[in-house]
Structures are given as C-alpha cells and as structure tokens.
Protein backbone atom coordinates (compact mmCIF):
# COMPACT_ATOMS: atom_id res chain seq x y z
CA MET A 1 50.23 22.12 -3.16
CA LYS A 2 49.87 19.01 -0.92
CA ARG A 3 49.38 21.17 2.12
CA ALA A 4 46.65 23.23 0.34
CA LEU A 5 44.89 20.01 -0.68
CA PHE A 6 45.18 18.68 2.85
CA THR A 7 43.62 21.90 4.19
CA PHE A 8 40.79 21.67 1.72
CA LEU A 9 40.06 18.05 2.55
CA ALA A 10 40.12 18.70 6.23
CA VAL A 11 37.61 21.54 5.85
CA ALA A 12 35.44 19.40 3.61
CA ALA A 13 35.52 16.54 6.14
CA PHE A 14 34.52 18.96 8.91
CA ILE A 15 31.55 20.21 6.77
CA GLN A 16 30.31 16.65 6.12
CA ALA A 17 30.55 15.69 9.83
CA SER A 18 28.85 19.00 10.78
CA ALA A 19 25.91 18.23 8.63
CA GLN A 20 24.62 16.13 11.43
CA ASN A 21 24.76 19.21 13.71
CA LYS A 22 22.58 21.57 11.75
CA VAL A 23 24.73 23.38 9.28
CA GLU A 24 22.65 26.53 8.61
CA ASN A 25 24.79 28.55 6.25
CA LEU A 26 27.46 27.26 3.87
CA PHE A 27 28.69 29.76 1.26
CA MET A 28 31.70 31.07 -0.58
CA ASP A 29 32.57 34.65 -1.41
CA MET A 30 35.23 36.04 -3.81
CA ARG A 31 36.62 39.38 -4.97
CA THR A 32 38.70 40.14 -7.98
CA THR A 33 40.04 43.57 -9.20
CA PHE A 34 41.70 45.43 -12.00
CA HIS A 35 44.23 48.01 -10.77
CA GLN A 36 45.63 51.00 -12.50
CA GLU A 37 48.25 52.60 -10.24
CA THR A 38 51.19 54.98 -9.97
CA GLU A 39 53.61 54.67 -7.06
CA GLU A 40 56.45 57.08 -6.63
CA GLY A 41 55.69 58.23 -10.17
CA GLU A 42 55.95 54.76 -11.80
CA TYR A 43 52.96 53.30 -13.46
CA ASN A 44 51.78 49.64 -13.22
CA SER A 45 48.53 47.73 -13.79
CA GLN A 46 47.38 44.37 -12.39
CA ILE A 47 44.43 42.06 -12.70
CA ARG A 48 44.32 39.98 -9.59
CA GLY A 49 42.25 37.82 -7.34
CA GLU A 50 42.14 39.25 -3.79
CA TYR A 51 39.80 37.07 -1.66
CA PHE A 52 38.36 33.57 -1.88
CA ASN A 53 36.63 32.46 1.37
CA LEU A 54 34.61 29.50 2.56
CA HIS A 55 32.10 30.11 5.38
CA VAL A 56 30.39 27.53 7.58
CA LEU A 57 27.88 28.47 10.23
CA GLY A 58 25.63 26.27 12.33
CA HIS A 59 24.63 24.79 15.68
CA ILE A 60 25.87 21.78 17.62
CA THR A 61 23.10 22.20 20.09
CA GLN A 62 20.46 24.90 20.62
CA ASP A 63 22.85 26.82 22.89
CA ILE A 64 26.15 26.04 21.13
CA ASP A 65 26.90 27.53 17.70
CA TYR A 66 30.02 27.39 15.58
CA ARG A 67 31.59 29.36 12.73
CA ILE A 68 34.47 28.78 10.27
CA ARG A 69 35.89 31.21 7.71
CA HIS A 70 38.79 29.78 5.70
CA SER A 71 40.62 31.98 3.25
CA PHE A 72 42.03 30.08 0.24
CA SER A 73 43.77 33.32 -0.82
CA LYS A 74 46.11 33.22 2.21
CA LYS A 75 49.16 31.05 2.67
CA GLY A 76 47.43 28.02 4.12
CA TYR A 77 50.19 26.62 6.26
CA ASP A 78 53.15 28.17 8.10
CA GLU A 79 55.47 26.45 10.57
CA LYS A 80 54.93 29.28 13.01
CA ASN A 81 51.20 29.50 12.40
CA MET A 82 49.73 26.36 10.94
CA PHE A 83 46.17 27.76 10.83
CA ASN A 84 47.16 30.95 9.05
CA GLY A 85 44.67 30.40 6.29
CA THR A 86 41.76 30.01 8.67
CA ASP A 87 40.58 33.35 10.03
CA ILE A 88 37.71 32.14 12.22
CA MET A 89 37.15 28.77 13.84
CA TYR A 90 35.21 28.85 17.06
CA ILE A 91 32.42 27.48 19.19
CA ASN A 92 30.24 29.80 21.18
CA TRP A 93 28.17 28.67 24.16
CA ARG A 94 25.20 30.87 25.20
CA ALA A 95 24.97 29.77 28.81
CA ASN A 96 22.00 31.92 29.71
CA GLU A 97 20.52 35.31 28.89
CA LYS A 98 23.42 37.13 30.45
CA TRP A 99 26.46 35.05 29.79
CA SER A 100 28.14 33.56 26.70
CA PHE A 101 31.61 31.95 26.25
CA LEU A 102 33.64 31.62 23.08
CA PHE A 103 36.62 29.34 22.45
CA GLY A 104 38.76 29.04 19.28
CA LYS A 105 40.14 31.37 16.63
CA TYR A 106 38.53 34.73 16.34
CA ALA A 107 39.30 38.42 15.72
CA VAL A 108 41.46 40.05 18.38
CA LEU A 109 39.10 42.50 20.02
CA ILE A 110 40.62 45.82 19.04
CA GLY A 111 38.14 48.64 18.57
CA GLY A 112 37.27 50.41 15.47
CA TYR A 113 34.86 49.74 12.54
CA GLU A 114 37.62 49.59 9.93
CA TYR A 115 39.34 46.84 11.94
CA ASP A 116 36.00 45.05 12.69
CA ALA A 117 34.86 44.89 9.03
CA ALA A 118 35.29 41.71 6.97
CA PRO A 119 38.46 42.17 4.89
CA ILE A 120 36.54 41.43 1.68
CA ASP A 121 34.51 44.57 2.28
CA VAL A 122 37.54 46.94 2.66
CA TYR A 123 39.25 48.35 -0.44
CA TYR A 124 42.14 50.13 1.34
CA TYR A 125 43.28 50.04 4.95
CA SER A 126 45.01 52.21 7.48
CA LYS A 127 48.70 51.64 8.04
CA PHE A 128 47.84 50.04 11.43
CA CYS A 129 45.61 47.43 9.96
CA ASN A 130 47.93 46.82 7.01
CA ASN A 131 50.99 46.26 9.32
CA ILE A 132 49.60 44.30 12.20
CA TYR A 133 50.85 40.78 11.88
CA GLN A 134 47.59 38.82 12.54
CA GLY A 135 44.13 40.13 13.28
CA PHE A 136 42.74 36.69 14.11
CA THR A 137 44.24 34.49 16.79
CA PHE A 138 43.29 31.59 19.16
CA GLY A 139 41.87 32.44 22.51
CA THR A 140 38.89 32.52 24.74
CA SER A 141 36.37 35.14 25.75
CA ALA A 142 33.43 35.75 28.14
CA THR A 143 30.63 38.12 27.35
CA TYR A 144 28.18 39.63 29.75
CA HIS A 145 25.07 40.84 28.01
CA PHE A 146 23.55 43.81 29.92
CA SER A 147 20.74 43.96 27.34
CA SER A 148 20.20 43.32 23.62
CA LYS A 149 22.07 46.62 23.00
CA HIS A 150 24.96 46.47 25.35
CA SER A 151 27.59 43.79 26.18
CA LEU A 152 30.99 43.70 27.76
CA VAL A 153 33.59 41.16 26.52
CA ALA A 154 36.78 40.01 28.17
CA GLN A 155 39.18 38.20 25.96
CA ILE A 156 42.56 36.47 26.39
CA CYS A 157 44.24 35.40 23.17
CA ASN A 158 47.49 35.06 21.26
CA SER A 159 48.96 38.50 20.55
CA PRO A 160 48.42 39.99 17.12
CA LEU A 161 52.06 41.11 17.36
CA SER A 162 53.36 37.64 18.20
CA MET A 163 54.54 36.57 14.69
CA GLY A 164 52.71 33.30 15.31
CA ASP A 165 54.22 32.54 18.76
CA PRO A 166 51.46 30.94 20.93
CA THR A 167 53.11 31.98 24.15
CA VAL A 168 52.72 35.72 23.62
CA TYR A 169 49.38 37.17 24.72
CA ALA A 170 46.85 39.99 24.47
CA TYR A 171 44.37 40.94 27.13
CA ASN A 172 41.32 42.73 25.81
CA LEU A 173 38.18 44.40 27.14
CA ALA A 174 35.52 45.47 24.63
CA TRP A 175 32.25 47.31 25.04
CA ASN A 176 29.73 46.74 22.21
CA GLY A 177 26.95 49.27 22.67
CA GLN A 178 24.03 51.12 21.08
CA PHE A 179 23.30 54.38 22.80
CA ALA A 180 20.61 55.48 20.34
CA SER A 181 18.91 54.07 17.18
CA TRP A 182 21.45 56.11 15.19
CA TRP A 183 24.66 55.47 17.32
CA LYS A 184 26.47 52.14 17.78
CA THR A 185 29.91 51.70 19.33
CA ILE A 186 32.94 49.36 19.65
CA TRP A 187 35.09 50.68 22.43
CA THR A 188 38.05 48.70 23.62
CA VAL A 189 41.06 48.72 26.01
CA ASN A 190 43.95 46.38 25.17
CA MET A 191 47.23 45.29 26.75
CA VAL A 192 49.17 43.60 23.96
CA GLN A 193 52.58 41.91 24.11
CA ASP A 194 55.00 42.08 21.24
CA GLN A 195 57.50 39.43 20.33
CA ALA A 196 60.03 40.83 22.85
CA ARG A 197 57.39 40.48 25.62
CA ASN A 198 57.00 44.22 25.93
CA PHE A 199 53.42 45.52 26.53
CA ILE A 200 51.68 48.29 24.70
CA ASN A 201 48.25 49.72 25.46
CA TYR A 202 45.57 50.43 22.84
CA ILE A 203 42.51 52.59 23.71
CA SER A 204 40.07 52.56 20.81
CA PHE A 205 36.73 54.27 20.20
CA GLY A 206 34.79 52.99 17.19
CA ASN A 207 31.62 54.90 16.48
CA HIS A 208 28.93 54.09 13.86
CA PHE A 209 26.23 56.63 12.98
CA GLU A 210 23.21 56.07 10.81
CA TYR A 211 20.90 58.82 9.44
CA GLY A 212 18.35 57.33 7.06
CA ASP A 213 20.28 56.08 4.07
CA ALA A 214 23.56 57.68 5.20
CA MET A 215 26.16 56.06 7.41
CA LEU A 216 29.30 57.55 9.05
CA ASP A 217 32.05 55.65 10.94
CA ILE A 218 34.55 57.49 13.16
CA ASP A 219 37.42 55.52 14.71
CA ILE A 220 39.90 56.88 17.16
CA MET A 221 42.89 54.89 18.54
CA ASN A 222 45.54 55.90 21.03
CA ARG A 223 48.65 53.67 21.41
CA ALA A 224 51.26 53.89 24.15
CA ALA A 225 53.43 51.85 26.52
CA LEU A 226 52.75 52.50 30.23
CA THR A 227 56.33 53.80 30.65
CA GLN A 228 56.11 56.15 27.66
CA LYS A 229 56.56 59.85 28.42
CA ASN A 230 53.69 61.16 26.28
CA PHE A 231 50.93 58.64 26.89
CA LEU A 232 48.15 60.42 25.09
CA PHE A 233 47.91 61.86 21.52
CA SER A 234 51.52 61.13 20.46
CA ASP A 235 50.79 57.79 18.70
CA MET A 236 47.34 57.71 17.14
CA THR A 237 45.06 56.73 14.27
CA LEU A 238 41.97 58.70 13.15
CA ILE A 239 39.64 57.31 10.46
CA SER A 240 36.34 58.43 8.98
CA LYS A 241 34.23 56.62 6.47
CA PHE A 242 30.98 57.79 4.81
CA ILE A 243 28.46 55.80 2.78
CA TRP A 244 25.27 57.08 1.25
CA ALA A 245 22.90 54.40 -0.13
CA VAL A 246 20.92 55.51 -3.18
CA GLY A 247 18.75 52.69 -4.48
CA ASN A 248 21.12 49.91 -5.60
CA TRP A 249 24.12 52.26 -5.35
CA ASN A 250 26.51 53.25 -2.54
CA ILE A 251 28.47 56.48 -2.74
CA CYS A 252 31.50 56.02 -0.57
CA ALA A 253 34.38 58.13 0.88
CA LYS A 254 37.09 57.33 3.49
CA ALA A 255 40.02 59.12 4.87
CA GLY A 256 42.57 58.56 7.67
CA TYR A 257 45.48 60.19 9.44
CA GLU A 258 48.08 58.30 11.51
CA TRP A 259 51.10 59.61 13.38
CA ASN A 260 53.72 58.48 15.90
CA ASP A 261 56.11 60.99 17.45
CA GLU A 262 59.73 60.37 16.66
CA HIS A 263 60.62 60.48 20.42
CA ASN A 264 58.47 57.41 21.26
CA VAL A 265 61.47 55.09 21.64
CA ARG A 266 63.20 53.44 24.60
CA GLU A 267 66.69 54.25 25.81
CA ASP A 268 68.09 51.42 23.67
CA GLY A 269 66.51 53.03 20.56
CA SER A 270 63.76 50.37 20.11
CA ALA A 271 60.19 51.56 19.34
CA TYR A 272 57.40 51.26 21.88
CA ASP A 273 54.97 50.71 18.94
CA VAL A 274 56.17 47.92 16.56
CA VAL A 275 53.25 48.55 14.16
CA ILE A 276 53.54 52.27 13.38
CA ASP A 277 57.11 53.44 13.31
CA PRO A 278 58.21 56.48 15.34
CA GLY A 279 58.40 59.51 13.07
CA THR A 280 55.43 58.39 10.98
CA LYS A 281 52.96 60.97 9.57
CA TYR A 282 50.60 59.22 7.18
CA VAL A 283 47.52 60.52 5.35
CA TYR A 284 45.31 58.49 3.03
CA ALA A 285 41.91 59.18 1.38
CA GLY A 286 39.74 57.90 -1.33
CA CYS A 287 36.18 57.66 -2.79
CA GLY A 288 34.16 55.28 -4.87
CA LEU A 289 30.91 53.79 -6.11
CA GLU A 290 29.35 50.43 -5.33
CA TRP A 291 26.55 48.90 -7.41
CA PHE A 292 24.38 45.93 -6.36
CA PRO A 293 22.50 44.81 -9.45
CA PHE A 294 20.98 41.62 -8.01
CA GLY A 295 20.57 42.35 -4.29
CA ARG A 296 23.13 43.32 -1.71
CA ASN A 297 24.18 39.78 -0.74
CA ASN A 298 24.79 38.46 -4.24
CA LEU A 299 26.95 40.61 -6.48
CA ARG A 300 28.80 43.89 -5.86
CA LEU A 301 30.61 45.91 -8.54
CA HIS A 302 32.90 48.74 -7.42
CA ALA A 303 34.95 51.54 -8.76
CA VAL A 304 37.34 53.07 -6.22
CA TYR A 305 40.11 55.67 -6.22
CA TYR A 306 42.53 56.30 -3.34
CA SER A 307 45.87 57.92 -2.68
CA ASP A 308 48.33 58.09 0.17
CA SER A 309 51.29 60.15 1.44
CA ASP A 310 53.55 57.30 2.24
CA ARG A 311 54.45 55.87 -1.17
CA HIS A 312 52.70 58.64 -3.08
CA ARG A 313 50.32 56.12 -4.53
CA ASN A 314 47.44 56.86 -6.75
CA ASN A 315 45.30 53.85 -7.34
CA PHE A 316 42.16 53.37 -9.37
CA GLU A 317 40.50 49.97 -9.38
CA LEU A 318 37.45 48.26 -10.85
CA GLY A 319 36.28 45.02 -9.22
CA ALA A 320 33.56 42.52 -8.42
CA THR A 321 32.60 40.71 -5.25
CA TRP A 322 30.17 37.83 -5.36
CA ARG A 323 28.75 35.23 -3.11
CA VAL A 324 27.61 31.63 -3.84
CA ASN A 325 25.21 30.08 -1.37
CA ILE A 326 25.51 26.31 -1.05
CA ILE A 327 23.28 25.79 2.08
CA SER A 328 21.04 28.57 3.41
CA ARG A 329 18.60 27.57 6.11
CA ARG A 330 18.46 30.82 8.19
C-alpha cells in the first residue's frame, strides 16, 4: 500500500511540475467487465475491474514532447522491474523534418496491429501477446521520416523476454507506412534476447485496411532462431480483425491461429521460442458489439463472446470503458 501511495504521489508531483511545461492532455480511462465463462467444462462468473490508467501528454519545448501512461491496475513495484506499473514514460525530440529521437519507456517495436493497440481496447489476445513478459521497456530509438506517410525506426531497448533484467536487449527495426489511402502498415524485424542470452528473430507484417466504414487488420508473424532448421513457417502467428462502424455502433469479429512445430528445440531440449511452446496449435475466435452513446472518446459499452482451443474456454462478457478528461488543450 505504501509503495502504491508513493507511486501515486510521484506521478502527481511530476504532473504539477509539468504544468509549467505545457501539459496539453491529462486524462484517466477505465474498463470494468462482467464475465460469464466456462473453462474445461466448469462454469464461473466474475465482475472485475480490468484497467485504470492515468495519461499525461505535453511539451517541454516546441520540439520536445513527453508522454506518460501509468496503470494503477498493474503491480506498481517489483524488485526486478520497479517501473512495472508505468507502461509509457518518454521524451521525444523532433530534431528536424527528417529526424526524431525518443528516450525512455515505450512499447517494444514488434509489428502487428493487435500488439500495437492500447491494451484497454483489446478484449482478448493471442497467445503471443498474452505470454510475452513485458511489452513496454526502457530504451532509445531514432526515426527517419521519409514523408508524412513513411518512416523507419531503429530501436535498442530492454528485451521483452528479459523478466525485468536491464542487461538483456532487443534490437528492432520498424517500418511505419501508408501505401494507399486504404492501406497502412507496421512491418518489423527484431532480434530479441531471452533470459539465457539466446537470440530469436521475429519478422512481423501488420496490415490495416479501411474501406469506408469497414476496417480489416491482418497480422502475420514468423519466429525463429538463426540456427533453427526450419526458419520459415514452423513457428507463426496469424490474426485477422474486422470492424464495421454503423452509426454509434461497431460490429466486431476477430480470429487467430498460432503454431510452433514440436521439433523446434535445441539439442539440450530447450525451446528456441520461450513465448510459444513447441508443439502448440492454438485457435481462438470471437465477435461482439460496441456502442458509443456519447461520442467515441467518452463512453464505450461492449458485449463480446470468444472461445479458444487451448483451455476450451467459452467466455461472454459485458463491460464499459470510459474516459475522464482533466486537462484538454489540444
């Protein structure tokens, strides 16, 4: 409790100090849900809070902006990862029209629109996103802006597989693009160390398509160690998500398939991939409705059903997500 209070006071002190540096957005968002679920044939129900976040955005100078997102719904302090409750905490310097540099805690640049989405907007995840130890780590990145539609980012950061160890790294290259008005991309190549200092390569292609009021995301990820016999197509994730906006409603559907061949192990029997176990074949799918009665940034009500092949789960949930603006100058 003392640690949680200390975290809150530290964030509050930062906000007060930042007020001299043009805080432009200060808001909180929350999500709570009511679950009805069967798992391996056993029924249970839960009413639970899932997310409670504080967001701070602003500028220190005209060319240097900052952002913080602190999650009060995460364990706020861990001896191995003392900033575990803070997802985002960075400063970003736009040096000129072509170059910008970021330093602090931010998302590890792994491609795919499911991975890139704010967690509060995701109702159910792939096994990869569920199992990865930390999606946000400390590091630095440099971005070259080819144009307003295309940029290349090089990032060095603590590994998402490091269990909080700050001496284990990930090296990431990300292309954020827009090849047409209806097609945006997040494509990445990653070399990621696990806790044993072994490297694994990720190649990800995240694609976002928009046609009028309809949206489709298609994510493809290949995972393999460089010494692995079958480098391509033996350890993968495929995800598709569809949303159709009808007035104040969204009609949603999402499905994914993940697999890792049972032979993807070293001679000592250890797995090349420490996130998706060798021998995994996993399917999940669901659909739902979202309703925005007072505008899309204020209140969202949802009803979602999904099932999976791993724990034979069938989950139906009702929930609400809402946002409280404290300062809004943008």
